[in-house]
Structure formats: C-alpha cells, structure tokens
Amino acid sequence: MDQLLRWLIRTPVQTFLLCPLAVIAFEYVWRGGRLTFVWWGVPLLLWGYLQYKLVGGYRGPRAGGGPGMETMPDRILDHGPYRYTRNPMYLGHLIFMVGLAITFRSWFAVILLAARAVWFHCRVLRDEKRLQAAFGADYDGYRARVKRWIPYVF
C-alpha cells in the first residue's frame, strides 16, 4: 500500500494518468453519460507528453542527478531544449493539461490546469533556490539568459 501511494504522488502519474481520469470521470457524470471530444486538442496532449518524456531522456545523461529534483543535477544544462526554457519538462506537463482541457472541452480541466500551473510555479521557485545555492553565479547567468517558462517571453 505504501508503495502504491508513493507511486500515485509522483508528478508524472498525477499529470498524465490521474488528471485525465479525473477529467473523463467528471465530464462523464456532469454531461449525463456523454463526453465531448475535440480532436484538435490531441496534438497538444501528445506534444506535452512527448516533450516531458524526451526532455527527461535528454537531461539525465547530460546533467546527472535523478528524476525530478529529488537528486540534484551535477551541472547546469544550458543547451538543447534548456537553451529556450529553464523548465521544458514542467512545461510539457502544462501543455498536456491545456490539451486535456481542449480535448474534452472541460472547465474542470481548466481548473486543474490552473491548480497545476500554480503548483509547478511554486515548485520551480523552490528548485531555483536549490540550484542557485548549488551553482551560484553560473546559475545566475543561466537565469539571465533563459526564460523560466515560455521561450523569449516569461
């Protein structure tokens, strides 16, 4: 049971499994047994998931550390997708959530997206403090060059 709970609280499990199941269940009940499906949201679902997965595969061997920030990276990664945004994996989660809201035309998914966006932003702020403490001026320079979320914008 403890192992199941540890698995369920993992960020990817929440975003890519639990959130979609919750949205589908909510919308099914809310709409009286019918689901709305907007096909053009599916590319955002795929984009978000693939961005998370592929960037994770890119990051591991180049920056060291472990999955997530539980085990800090050994070095700052400032090339590949990390030259455009400091948080491409987290951004993949949020792109997926946008796709979820569109695909099921769901206000409930929009509420989950907003909650997840706030949660990820708070997580990023904590991560940044840890990275700044570990890498100092090198990390400050990286932060000055690369936006936190949206390339060239924010």
Protein backbone atom coordinates (compact mmCIF):
# COMPACT_ATOMS: atom_id res chain seq x y z
CA MET A 1 0.00 0.00 0.00
CA ASP A 2 2.84 2.39 0.88
CA GLN A 3 4.49 1.70 -2.48
CA LEU A 4 1.22 2.43 -4.31
CA LEU A 5 0.86 5.77 -2.51
CA ARG A 6 4.44 6.73 -3.36
CA TRP A 7 3.71 5.93 -6.99
CA LEU A 8 0.44 7.90 -7.01
CA ILE A 9 2.07 11.08 -5.69
CA ARG A 10 4.68 11.13 -8.46
CA THR A 11 4.20 14.21 -10.62
CA PRO A 12 4.03 12.38 -13.99
CA VAL A 13 1.46 9.92 -12.63
CA GLN A 14 -0.69 12.81 -11.46
CA THR A 15 -0.45 14.77 -14.72
CA PHE A 16 -0.56 12.03 -17.32
CA LEU A 17 -2.80 9.47 -15.60
CA LEU A 18 -4.80 10.80 -12.65
CA CYS A 19 -5.75 14.17 -14.14
CA PRO A 20 -7.08 12.66 -17.39
CA LEU A 21 -9.01 10.01 -15.46
CA ALA A 22 -10.48 12.67 -13.17
CA VAL A 23 -11.47 14.88 -16.11
CA ILE A 24 -13.07 12.00 -18.01
CA ALA A 25 -14.98 10.84 -14.91
CA PHE A 26 -16.11 14.37 -14.03
CA GLU A 27 -17.21 15.22 -17.57
CA TYR A 28 -18.96 11.87 -17.99
CA VAL A 29 -21.02 12.43 -14.84
CA TRP A 30 -21.52 16.18 -15.45
CA ARG A 31 -22.78 15.61 -19.02
CA GLY A 32 -25.05 12.73 -18.15
CA GLY A 33 -23.01 9.89 -19.59
CA ARG A 34 -21.72 11.66 -22.70
CA LEU A 35 -18.27 13.01 -23.40
CA THR A 36 -17.34 15.86 -25.71
CA PHE A 37 -14.22 15.11 -27.72
CA VAL A 38 -12.43 17.83 -29.67
CA TRP A 39 -9.87 16.12 -31.90
CA TRP A 40 -7.57 19.14 -32.32
CA GLY A 41 -6.67 19.01 -28.62
CA VAL A 42 -4.99 15.63 -29.11
CA PRO A 43 -1.81 17.07 -30.70
CA LEU A 44 -1.31 19.16 -27.55
CA LEU A 45 -1.70 16.05 -25.40
CA LEU A 46 0.93 14.28 -27.49
CA TRP A 47 3.21 17.32 -27.62
CA GLY A 48 3.09 17.81 -23.86
CA TYR A 49 3.71 14.17 -23.03
CA LEU A 50 6.47 13.75 -25.61
CA GLN A 51 8.15 16.97 -24.51
CA TYR A 52 8.18 15.74 -20.92
CA LYS A 53 9.41 12.26 -21.88
CA LEU A 54 12.01 13.21 -24.50
CA VAL A 55 13.47 16.09 -22.50
CA GLY A 56 13.72 13.78 -19.49
CA GLY A 57 15.71 11.34 -21.62
CA TYR A 58 17.88 14.18 -22.86
CA ARG A 59 18.52 15.67 -19.41
CA GLY A 60 19.52 12.57 -17.47
CA PRO A 61 22.78 11.62 -19.17
CA ARG A 62 23.84 15.25 -19.72
CA ALA A 63 23.12 16.85 -16.33
CA GLY A 64 23.27 13.91 -13.96
CA GLY A 65 21.15 13.73 -10.85
CA GLY A 66 17.93 11.80 -10.67
CA PRO A 67 14.40 12.12 -11.93
CA GLY A 68 12.79 15.35 -10.80
CA MET A 69 14.73 17.43 -8.32
CA GLU A 70 14.93 14.86 -5.53
CA THR A 71 18.51 14.21 -6.60
CA MET A 72 20.10 17.46 -7.80
CA PRO A 73 21.78 17.60 -11.21
CA ASP A 74 25.57 17.58 -11.28
CA ARG A 75 25.78 20.51 -13.69
CA ILE A 76 23.72 23.23 -15.35
CA LEU A 77 22.27 22.13 -18.66
CA ASP A 78 22.05 25.15 -20.96
CA HIS A 79 21.86 23.55 -24.39
CA GLY A 80 19.24 21.54 -26.28
CA PRO A 81 15.74 22.39 -25.05
CA TYR A 82 17.24 24.04 -21.96
CA ARG A 83 18.59 26.89 -24.06
CA TYR A 84 14.98 28.02 -24.68
CA THR A 85 13.31 27.46 -21.32
CA ARG A 86 14.64 26.54 -17.91
CA ASN A 87 11.77 24.13 -17.30
CA PRO A 88 10.94 22.27 -20.51
CA MET A 89 9.80 19.11 -18.69
CA TYR A 90 7.42 21.00 -16.40
CA LEU A 91 6.23 22.99 -19.42
CA GLY A 92 5.42 19.68 -21.12
CA HIS A 93 3.12 18.84 -18.20
CA LEU A 94 1.29 22.15 -18.63
CA ILE A 95 1.00 21.80 -22.42
CA PHE A 96 -0.55 18.37 -21.81
CA MET A 97 -3.03 19.93 -19.37
CA VAL A 98 -4.02 22.57 -21.96
CA GLY A 99 -4.59 19.73 -24.42
CA LEU A 100 -6.71 17.92 -21.84
CA ALA A 101 -8.94 20.98 -21.35
CA ILE A 102 -9.38 21.42 -25.11
CA THR A 103 -9.81 17.74 -25.96
CA PHE A 104 -12.66 17.28 -23.52
CA ARG A 105 -13.88 20.91 -23.68
CA SER A 106 -13.70 20.86 -19.93
CA TRP A 107 -13.88 23.71 -17.44
CA PHE A 108 -12.92 21.19 -14.79
CA ALA A 109 -9.69 20.54 -16.71
CA VAL A 110 -9.08 24.31 -16.88
CA ILE A 111 -9.39 24.45 -13.08
CA LEU A 112 -6.95 21.53 -12.78
CA LEU A 113 -4.60 23.29 -15.23
CA ALA A 114 -4.67 26.46 -13.13
CA ALA A 115 -4.02 24.49 -9.94
CA ARG A 116 -1.18 22.53 -11.57
CA ALA A 117 0.33 25.74 -13.00
CA VAL A 118 0.42 27.33 -9.55
CA TRP A 119 1.84 24.13 -8.05
CA PHE A 120 4.56 23.87 -10.74
CA HIS A 121 5.44 27.54 -10.36
CA CYS A 122 5.90 27.12 -6.60
CA ARG A 123 7.98 24.02 -7.26
CA VAL A 124 10.14 25.92 -9.75
CA LEU A 125 10.75 28.68 -7.23
CA ARG A 126 11.97 26.09 -4.71
CA ASP A 127 14.08 24.36 -7.37
CA GLU A 128 15.66 27.66 -8.37
CA LYS A 129 16.71 28.39 -4.78
CA ARG A 130 18.39 25.00 -4.56
CA LEU A 131 20.09 25.41 -7.95
CA GLN A 132 21.30 28.90 -7.10
CA ALA A 133 22.73 27.63 -3.81
CA ALA A 134 24.48 24.76 -5.61
CA PHE A 135 25.78 26.58 -8.70
CA GLY A 136 25.90 30.27 -7.67
CA ALA A 137 26.98 32.74 -10.35
CA ASP A 138 26.81 30.13 -13.12
CA TYR A 139 23.13 29.58 -12.40
CA ASP A 140 22.51 33.33 -12.11
CA GLY A 141 23.98 33.77 -15.60
CA TYR A 142 21.81 30.98 -16.96
CA ARG A 143 18.71 32.58 -15.39
CA ALA A 144 19.61 35.90 -17.01
CA ARG A 145 19.89 34.29 -20.47
CA VAL A 146 16.96 31.84 -20.45
CA LYS A 147 13.33 32.46 -19.52
CA ARG A 148 11.69 30.41 -16.80
CA TRP A 149 8.65 29.20 -18.74
CA ILE A 150 7.94 30.49 -22.23
CA PRO A 151 10.93 30.99 -24.55
CA TYR A 152 11.74 34.68 -25.11
CA VAL A 153 8.63 35.76 -23.14
CA PHE A 154 8.36 34.72 -19.47
